[in-house]
């Protein structure tokens, strides 16, 4: 079965952690992205599926996010905080 790559944004680390656990045995290849290098959710996936992002208040945040999605062939993004929803 082909797994679909998705990206969970770890702005709210507790929500992101719960999402990673909830999707662990589904048909998704879960990537986690955060601007904070010590976000717990990042360490629930392999190194290859960790994505480092700029802060959400950086003007290049959206371009960086979309570039990372293109690089990893990610077609779905799941935000975990209100700040990420606005973007």
PDB file of N, CA and C in Angstrom:
ATOM      1  N   UNK A   1       0.841  -1.176   0.000  1.00  0.00           N
ATOM      2  CA  UNK A   1       0.000   0.000   0.000  1.00  0.00           C
ATOM      3  C   UNK A   1       0.893   1.248   0.000  1.00  0.00           C
ATOM      4  N   UNK A   2       0.626   2.183  -0.889  1.00  0.00           N
ATOM      5  CA  UNK A   2       1.378   3.423  -0.965  1.00  0.00           C
ATOM      6  C   UNK A   2       0.950   4.358   0.163  1.00  0.00           C
ATOM      7  N   UNK A   3       1.931   4.907   0.858  1.00  0.00           N
ATOM      8  CA  UNK A   3       1.631   5.859   1.922  1.00  0.00           C
ATOM      9  C   UNK A   3       1.668   7.266   1.363  1.00  0.00           C
ATOM     10  N   UNK A   4       0.737   8.092   1.806  1.00  0.00           N
ATOM     11  CA  UNK A   4       0.619   9.463   1.354  1.00  0.00           C
ATOM     12  C   UNK A   4       1.395  10.381   2.295  1.00  0.00           C
ATOM     13  N   UNK A   5       2.337  11.181   1.776  1.00  0.00           N
ATOM     14  CA  UNK A   5       3.096  12.079   2.653  1.00  0.00           C
ATOM     15  C   UNK A   5       2.258  13.256   3.128  1.00  0.00           C
ATOM     16  N   UNK A   6       2.272  13.491   4.428  1.00  0.00           N
ATOM     17  CA  UNK A   6       1.583  14.638   5.026  1.00  0.00           C
ATOM     18  C   UNK A   6       2.567  15.355   5.937  1.00  0.00           C
ATOM     19  N   UNK A   7       2.295  16.611   6.204  1.00  0.00           N
ATOM     20  CA  UNK A   7       3.153  17.405   7.068  1.00  0.00           C
ATOM     21  C   UNK A   7       2.340  17.946   8.228  1.00  0.00           C
ATOM     22  N   UNK A   8       2.802  17.680   9.437  1.00  0.00           N
ATOM     23  CA  UNK A   8       2.185  18.231  10.643  1.00  0.00           C
ATOM     24  C   UNK A   8       3.074  19.365  11.116  1.00  0.00           C
ATOM     25  N   UNK A   9       2.491  20.549  11.266  1.00  0.00           N
ATOM     26  CA  UNK A   9       3.225  21.700  11.776  1.00  0.00           C
ATOM     27  C   UNK A   9       3.171  21.667  13.299  1.00  0.00           C
ATOM     28  N   UNK A  10       4.319  21.769  13.931  1.00  0.00           N
ATOM     29  CA  UNK A  10       4.404  21.589  15.384  1.00  0.00           C
ATOM     30  C   UNK A  10       4.401  22.903  16.156  1.00  0.00           C
ATOM     31  N   UNK A  11       3.594  23.868  15.724  1.00  0.00           N
ATOM     32  CA  UNK A  11       3.472  25.128  16.448  1.00  0.00           C
ATOM     33  C   UNK A  11       2.927  24.918  17.853  1.00  0.00           C
ATOM     34  N   UNK A  12       1.983  24.016  17.996  1.00  0.00           N
ATOM     35  CA  UNK A  12       1.490  23.593  19.303  1.00  0.00           C
ATOM     36  C   UNK A  12       1.990  22.158  19.469  1.00  0.00           C
ATOM     37  N   UNK A  13       3.071  22.003  20.191  1.00  0.00           N
ATOM     38  CA  UNK A  13       3.751  20.715  20.256  1.00  0.00           C
ATOM     39  C   UNK A  13       2.875  19.596  20.824  1.00  0.00           C
ATOM     40  N   UNK A  14       2.007  19.914  21.768  1.00  0.00           N
ATOM     41  CA  UNK A  14       1.134  18.875  22.336  1.00  0.00           C
ATOM     42  C   UNK A  14       0.150  18.350  21.297  1.00  0.00           C
ATOM     43  N   UNK A  15      -0.438  19.259  20.537  1.00  0.00           N
ATOM     44  CA  UNK A  15      -1.371  18.853  19.484  1.00  0.00           C
ATOM     45  C   UNK A  15      -0.631  18.067  18.412  1.00  0.00           C
ATOM     46  N   UNK A  16       0.537  18.561  18.000  1.00  0.00           N
ATOM     47  CA  UNK A  16       1.329  17.883  16.974  1.00  0.00           C
ATOM     48  C   UNK A  16       1.718  16.479  17.426  1.00  0.00           C
ATOM     49  N   UNK A  17       2.131  16.343  18.680  1.00  0.00           N
ATOM     50  CA  UNK A  17       2.505  15.032  19.216  1.00  0.00           C
ATOM     51  C   UNK A  17       1.316  14.077  19.162  1.00  0.00           C
ATOM     52  N   UNK A  18       0.155  14.552  19.552  1.00  0.00           N
ATOM     53  CA  UNK A  18      -1.053  13.716  19.508  1.00  0.00           C
ATOM     54  C   UNK A  18      -1.384  13.299  18.079  1.00  0.00           C
ATOM     55  N   UNK A  19      -1.229  14.224  17.138  1.00  0.00           N
ATOM     56  CA  UNK A  19      -1.503  13.903  15.734  1.00  0.00           C
ATOM     57  C   UNK A  19      -0.539  12.849  15.195  1.00  0.00           C
ATOM     58  N   UNK A  20       0.738  12.979  15.535  1.00  0.00           N
ATOM     59  CA  UNK A  20       1.726  11.983  15.085  1.00  0.00           C
ATOM     60  C   UNK A  20       1.349  10.609  15.605  1.00  0.00           C
ATOM     61  N   UNK A  21       0.990  10.527  16.877  1.00  0.00           N
ATOM     62  CA  UNK A  21       0.580   9.237  17.457  1.00  0.00           C
ATOM     63  C   UNK A  21      -0.697   8.709  16.801  1.00  0.00           C
ATOM     64  N   UNK A  22      -1.650   9.584  16.563  1.00  0.00           N
ATOM     65  CA  UNK A  22      -2.932   9.170  15.982  1.00  0.00           C
ATOM     66  C   UNK A  22      -2.775   8.659  14.551  1.00  0.00           C
ATOM     67  N   UNK A  23      -1.836   9.222  13.809  1.00  0.00           N
ATOM     68  CA  UNK A  23      -1.665   8.854  12.404  1.00  0.00           C
ATOM     69  C   UNK A  23      -0.580   7.801  12.177  1.00  0.00           C
ATOM     70  N   UNK A  24       0.049   7.340  13.247  1.00  0.00           N
ATOM     71  CA  UNK A  24       1.194   6.435  13.128  1.00  0.00           C
ATOM     72  C   UNK A  24       0.894   5.159  12.349  1.00  0.00           C
ATOM     73  N   UNK A  25      -0.264   4.612  12.489  1.00  0.00           N
ATOM     74  CA  UNK A  25      -0.557   3.332  11.844  1.00  0.00           C
ATOM     75  C   UNK A  25      -1.570   3.476  10.718  1.00  0.00           C
ATOM     76  N   UNK A  26      -1.677   4.676  10.185  1.00  0.00           N
ATOM     77  CA  UNK A  26      -2.596   4.931   9.080  1.00  0.00           C
ATOM     78  C   UNK A  26      -1.820   4.876   7.766  1.00  0.00           C
ATOM     79  N   UNK A  27      -2.465   5.251   6.693  1.00  0.00           N
ATOM     80  CA  UNK A  27      -1.845   5.184   5.377  1.00  0.00           C
ATOM     81  C   UNK A  27      -1.078   6.452   5.022  1.00  0.00           C
ATOM     82  N   UNK A  28      -0.433   7.063   6.013  1.00  0.00           N
ATOM     83  CA  UNK A  28       0.297   8.298   5.803  1.00  0.00           C
ATOM     84  C   UNK A  28       1.769   8.142   6.142  1.00  0.00           C
ATOM     85  N   UNK A  29       2.609   8.825   5.386  1.00  0.00           N
ATOM     86  CA  UNK A  29       4.014   8.969   5.728  1.00  0.00           C
ATOM     87  C   UNK A  29       4.107  10.342   6.384  1.00  0.00           C
ATOM     88  N   UNK A  30       4.213  10.364   7.692  1.00  0.00           N
ATOM     89  CA  UNK A  30       4.103  11.595   8.455  1.00  0.00           C
ATOM     90  C   UNK A  30       5.433  12.327   8.576  1.00  0.00           C
ATOM     91  N   UNK A  31       5.437  13.593   8.155  1.00  0.00           N
ATOM     92  CA  UNK A  31       6.553  14.499   8.348  1.00  0.00           C
ATOM     93  C   UNK A  31       6.138  15.491   9.426  1.00  0.00           C
ATOM     94  N   UNK A  32       7.109  16.001  10.181  1.00  0.00           N
ATOM     95  CA  UNK A  32       6.824  17.009  11.198  1.00  0.00           C
ATOM     96  C   UNK A  32       7.738  18.207  10.955  1.00  0.00           C
ATOM     97  N   UNK A  33       7.158  19.401  11.007  1.00  0.00           N
ATOM     98  CA  UNK A  33       7.919  20.634  10.804  1.00  0.00           C
ATOM     99  C   UNK A  33       7.778  21.548  12.004  1.00  0.00           C
ATOM    100  N   UNK A  34       8.881  22.211  12.350  1.00  0.00           N
ATOM    101  CA  UNK A  34       8.851  23.157  13.458  1.00  0.00           C
ATOM    102  C   UNK A  34       9.963  24.178  13.280  1.00  0.00           C
ATOM    103  N   UNK A  35       9.733  25.355  13.821  1.00  0.00           N
ATOM    104  CA  UNK A  35      10.790  26.372  13.832  1.00  0.00           C
ATOM    105  C   UNK A  35      11.635  26.212  15.098  1.00  0.00           C
ATOM    106  N   UNK A  36      11.082  25.581  16.092  1.00  0.00           N
ATOM    107  CA  UNK A  36      11.777  25.315  17.356  1.00  0.00           C
ATOM    108  C   UNK A  36      12.507  23.968  17.239  1.00  0.00           C
ATOM    109  N   UNK A  37      13.843  23.946  17.310  1.00  0.00           N
ATOM    110  CA  UNK A  37      14.578  22.696  17.095  1.00  0.00           C
ATOM    111  C   UNK A  37      14.365  21.627  18.168  1.00  0.00           C
ATOM    112  N   UNK A  38      13.806  22.009  19.310  1.00  0.00           N
ATOM    113  CA  UNK A  38      13.602  21.043  20.390  1.00  0.00           C
ATOM    114  C   UNK A  38      12.141  20.639  20.557  1.00  0.00           C
ATOM    115  N   UNK A  39      11.318  20.900  19.568  1.00  0.00           N
ATOM    116  CA  UNK A  39       9.912  20.489  19.636  1.00  0.00           C
ATOM    117  C   UNK A  39       9.842  18.963  19.743  1.00  0.00           C
ATOM    118  N   UNK A  40       9.129  18.482  20.722  1.00  0.00           N
ATOM    119  CA  UNK A  40       9.042  17.042  20.991  1.00  0.00           C
ATOM    120  C   UNK A  40       8.541  16.259  19.778  1.00  0.00           C
ATOM    121  N   UNK A  41       7.565  16.791  19.087  1.00  0.00           N
ATOM    122  CA  UNK A  41       6.968  16.078  17.951  1.00  0.00           C
ATOM    123  C   UNK A  41       7.988  15.760  16.860  1.00  0.00           C
ATOM    124  N   UNK A  42       9.015  16.590  16.721  1.00  0.00           N
ATOM    125  CA  UNK A  42      10.053  16.326  15.717  1.00  0.00           C
ATOM    126  C   UNK A  42      10.728  14.983  15.943  1.00  0.00           C
ATOM    127  N   UNK A  43      10.864  14.603  17.189  1.00  0.00           N
ATOM    128  CA  UNK A  43      11.623  13.398  17.531  1.00  0.00           C
ATOM    129  C   UNK A  43      10.767  12.135  17.555  1.00  0.00           C
ATOM    130  N   UNK A  44       9.532  12.266  17.093  1.00  0.00           N
ATOM    131  CA  UNK A  44       8.658  11.098  16.962  1.00  0.00           C
ATOM    132  C   UNK A  44       8.732  10.494  15.561  1.00  0.00           C
ATOM    133  N   UNK A  45       9.449  11.172  14.671  1.00  0.00           N
ATOM    134  CA  UNK A  45       9.635  10.676  13.304  1.00  0.00           C
ATOM    135  C   UNK A  45      11.136  10.570  13.029  1.00  0.00           C
ATOM    136  N   UNK A  46      11.492   9.860  11.977  1.00  0.00           N
ATOM    137  CA  UNK A  46      12.904   9.683  11.643  1.00  0.00           C
ATOM    138  C   UNK A  46      13.525  11.009  11.187  1.00  0.00           C
ATOM    139  N   UNK A  47      14.840  11.076  11.206  1.00  0.00           N
ATOM    140  CA  UNK A  47      15.556  12.289  10.770  1.00  0.00           C
ATOM    141  C   UNK A  47      15.123  12.734   9.378  1.00  0.00           C
ATOM    142  N   UNK A  48      14.896  11.794   8.501  1.00  0.00           N
ATOM    143  CA  UNK A  48      14.531  12.104   7.114  1.00  0.00           C
ATOM    144  C   UNK A  48      13.162  12.770   7.012  1.00  0.00           C
ATOM    145  N   UNK A  49      12.336  12.640   8.064  1.00  0.00           N
ATOM    146  CA  UNK A  49      10.986  13.209   8.019  1.00  0.00           C
ATOM    147  C   UNK A  49      10.813  14.397   8.956  1.00  0.00           C
ATOM    148  N   UNK A  50      11.943  14.979   9.377  1.00  0.00           N
ATOM    149  CA  UNK A  50      11.924  16.199  10.183  1.00  0.00           C
ATOM    150  C   UNK A  50      12.206  17.386   9.273  1.00  0.00           C
ATOM    151  N   UNK A  51      11.400  18.419   9.396  1.00  0.00           N
ATOM    152  CA  UNK A  51      11.548  19.600   8.559  1.00  0.00           C
ATOM    153  C   UNK A  51      11.745  20.824   9.457  1.00  0.00           C
ATOM    154  N   UNK A  52      12.819  21.547   9.214  1.00  0.00           N
ATOM    155  CA  UNK A  52      13.093  22.766   9.963  1.00  0.00           C
ATOM    156  C   UNK A  52      12.524  23.948   9.189  1.00  0.00           C
ATOM    157  N   UNK A  53      11.757  24.776   9.878  1.00  0.00           N
ATOM    158  CA  UNK A  53      11.126  25.934   9.237  1.00  0.00           C
ATOM    159  C   UNK A  53      11.551  27.229   9.908  1.00  0.00           C
ATOM    160  N   UNK A  54      11.317  28.314   9.203  1.00  0.00           N
ATOM    161  CA  UNK A  54      11.499  29.646   9.773  1.00  0.00           C
ATOM    162  C   UNK A  54      10.361  29.891  10.775  1.00  0.00           C
ATOM    163  N   UNK A  55      10.483  30.949  11.565  1.00  0.00           N
ATOM    164  CA  UNK A  55       9.405  31.323  12.484  1.00  0.00           C
ATOM    165  C   UNK A  55       8.208  31.815  11.670  1.00  0.00           C
ATOM    166  N   UNK A  56       7.015  31.672  12.204  1.00  0.00           N
ATOM    167  CA  UNK A  56       5.810  32.060  11.466  1.00  0.00           C
ATOM    168  C   UNK A  56       5.733  33.559  11.198  1.00  0.00           C
ATOM    169  N   UNK A  57       6.455  34.371  11.947  1.00  0.00           N
ATOM    170  CA  UNK A  57       6.435  35.814  11.689  1.00  0.00           C
ATOM    171  C   UNK A  57       7.487  36.256  10.664  1.00  0.00           C
ATOM    172  N   UNK A  58       8.252  35.316  10.143  1.00  0.00           N
ATOM    173  CA  UNK A  58       9.240  35.607   9.102  1.00  0.00           C
ATOM    174  C   UNK A  58       8.511  35.763   7.765  1.00  0.00           C
ATOM    175  N   UNK A  59       8.787  36.824   7.004  1.00  0.00           N
ATOM    176  CA  UNK A  59       8.096  37.029   5.725  1.00  0.00           C
ATOM    177  C   UNK A  59       8.309  35.898   4.712  1.00  0.00           C
ATOM    178  N   UNK A  60       9.364  35.133   4.879  1.00  0.00           N
ATOM    179  CA  UNK A  60       9.660  34.033   3.952  1.00  0.00           C
ATOM    180  C   UNK A  60       9.115  32.690   4.438  1.00  0.00           C
ATOM    181  N   UNK A  61       8.341  32.703   5.510  1.00  0.00           N
ATOM    182  CA  UNK A  61       7.831  31.461   6.101  1.00  0.00           C
ATOM    183  C   UNK A  61       7.021  30.628   5.098  1.00  0.00           C
ATOM    184  N   UNK A  62       6.056  31.240   4.444  1.00  0.00           N
ATOM    185  CA  UNK A  62       5.181  30.499   3.529  1.00  0.00           C
ATOM    186  C   UNK A  62       5.978  29.933   2.354  1.00  0.00           C
ATOM    187  N   UNK A  63       6.876  30.735   1.789  1.00  0.00           N
ATOM    188  CA  UNK A  63       7.702  30.260   0.672  1.00  0.00           C
ATOM    189  C   UNK A  63       8.574  29.087   1.111  1.00  0.00           C
ATOM    190  N   UNK A  64       9.139  29.174   2.312  1.00  0.00           N
ATOM    191  CA  UNK A  64       9.958  28.089   2.857  1.00  0.00           C
ATOM    192  C   UNK A  64       9.113  26.831   3.055  1.00  0.00           C
ATOM    193  N   UNK A  65       7.928  27.001   3.628  1.00  0.00           N
ATOM    194  CA  UNK A  65       7.019  25.876   3.863  1.00  0.00           C
ATOM    195  C   UNK A  65       6.646  25.191   2.549  1.00  0.00           C
ATOM    196  N   UNK A  66       6.261  25.970   1.554  1.00  0.00           N
ATOM    197  CA  UNK A  66       5.877  25.392   0.264  1.00  0.00           C
ATOM    198  C   UNK A  66       7.068  24.723  -0.428  1.00  0.00           C
ATOM    199  N   UNK A  67       8.237  25.292  -0.280  1.00  0.00           N
ATOM    200  CA  UNK A  67       9.443  24.680  -0.843  1.00  0.00           C
ATOM    201  C   UNK A  67       9.740  23.333  -0.213  1.00  0.00           C
ATOM    202  N   UNK A  68       9.580  23.248   1.093  1.00  0.00           N
ATOM    203  CA  UNK A  68       9.796  21.969   1.796  1.00  0.00           C
ATOM    204  C   UNK A  68       8.765  20.931   1.350  1.00  0.00           C
ATOM    205  N   UNK A  69       7.535  21.378   1.165  1.00  0.00           N
ATOM    206  CA  UNK A  69       6.486  20.454   0.709  1.00  0.00           C
ATOM    207  C   UNK A  69       6.802  19.933  -0.700  1.00  0.00           C
ATOM    208  N   UNK A  70       7.254  20.808  -1.569  1.00  0.00           N
ATOM    209  CA  UNK A  70       7.605  20.384  -2.930  1.00  0.00           C
ATOM    210  C   UNK A  70       8.767  19.392  -2.898  1.00  0.00           C
ATOM    211  N   UNK A  71       9.753  19.674  -2.071  1.00  0.00           N
ATOM    212  CA  UNK A  71      10.929  18.800  -1.970  1.00  0.00           C
ATOM    213  C   UNK A  71      10.561  17.393  -1.517  1.00  0.00           C
ATOM    214  N   UNK A  72       9.625  17.285  -0.573  1.00  0.00           N
ATOM    215  CA  UNK A  72       9.244  15.984  -0.018  1.00  0.00           C
ATOM    216  C   UNK A  72       7.965  15.416  -0.633  1.00  0.00           C
ATOM    217  N   UNK A  73       7.437  16.097  -1.657  1.00  0.00           N
ATOM    218  CA  UNK A  73       6.213  15.669  -2.351  1.00  0.00           C
ATOM    219  C   UNK A  73       5.003  15.592  -1.412  1.00  0.00           C
ATOM    220  N   UNK A  74       4.942  16.534  -0.475  1.00  0.00           N
ATOM    221  CA  UNK A  74       3.847  16.601   0.497  1.00  0.00           C
ATOM    222  C   UNK A  74       2.703  17.394  -0.116  1.00  0.00           C
ATOM    223  N   UNK A  75       1.499  16.836  -0.046  1.00  0.00           N
ATOM    224  CA  UNK A  75       0.334  17.501  -0.630  1.00  0.00           C
ATOM    225  C   UNK A  75      -0.685  17.933   0.415  1.00  0.00           C
ATOM    226  N   UNK A  76      -0.468  17.570   1.677  1.00  0.00           N
ATOM    227  CA  UNK A  76      -1.408  17.952   2.740  1.00  0.00           C
ATOM    228  C   UNK A  76      -0.620  18.443   3.951  1.00  0.00           C
ATOM    229  N   UNK A  77      -1.057  19.578   4.491  1.00  0.00           N
ATOM    230  CA  UNK A  77      -0.432  20.184   5.670  1.00  0.00           C
ATOM    231  C   UNK A  77      -1.479  20.269   6.769  1.00  0.00           C
ATOM    232  N   UNK A  78      -1.107  19.841   7.975  1.00  0.00           N
ATOM    233  CA  UNK A  78      -2.017  19.909   9.115  1.00  0.00           C
ATOM    234  C   UNK A  78      -1.412  20.874  10.144  1.00  0.00           C
ATOM    235  N   UNK A  79      -2.012  22.054  10.306  1.00  0.00           N
ATOM    236  CA  UNK A  79      -1.516  22.999  11.302  1.00  0.00           C
ATOM    237  C   UNK A  79      -1.953  22.557  12.708  1.00  0.00           C
ATOM    238  N   UNK A  80      -1.153  22.927  13.716  1.00  0.00           N
ATOM    239  CA  UNK A  80      -1.524  22.552  15.080  1.00  0.00           C
ATOM    240  C   UNK A  80      -1.711  23.764  15.987  1.00  0.00           C
ATOM    241  N   UNK A  81      -1.607  24.973  15.430  1.00  0.00           N
ATOM    242  CA  UNK A  81      -1.842  26.174  16.235  1.00  0.00           C
ATOM    243  C   UNK A  81      -2.550  27.237  15.400  1.00  0.00           C
ATOM    244  N   UNK A  82      -3.150  28.193  16.082  1.00  0.00           N
ATOM    245  CA  UNK A  82      -3.865  29.271  15.386  1.00  0.00           C
ATOM    246  C   UNK A  82      -2.942  30.109  14.510  1.00  0.00           C
ATOM    247  N   UNK A  83      -1.701  30.338  14.942  1.00  0.00           N
ATOM    248  CA  UNK A  83      -0.764  31.147  14.154  1.00  0.00           C
ATOM    249  C   UNK A  83      -0.510  30.503  12.794  1.00  0.00           C
ATOM    250  N   UNK A  84      -0.472  29.197  12.752  1.00  0.00           N
ATOM    251  CA  UNK A  84      -0.240  28.493  11.486  1.00  0.00           C
ATOM    252  C   UNK A  84      -1.496  28.508  10.617  1.00  0.00           C
ATOM    253  N   UNK A  85      -2.661  28.535  11.215  1.00  0.00           N
ATOM    254  CA  UNK A  85      -3.903  28.575  10.451  1.00  0.00           C
ATOM    255  C   UNK A  85      -4.024  29.874   9.650  1.00  0.00           C
ATOM    256  N   UNK A  86      -3.576  30.963  10.225  1.00  0.00           N
ATOM    257  CA  UNK A  86      -3.673  32.254   9.556  1.00  0.00           C
ATOM    258  C   UNK A  86      -2.879  32.273   8.245  1.00  0.00           C
ATOM    259  N   UNK A  87      -1.767  31.572   8.230  1.00  0.00           N
ATOM    260  CA  UNK A  87      -0.917  31.573   7.045  1.00  0.00           C
ATOM    261  C   UNK A  87      -1.505  30.653   5.995  1.00  0.00           C
TER     262      UNK A  87
END
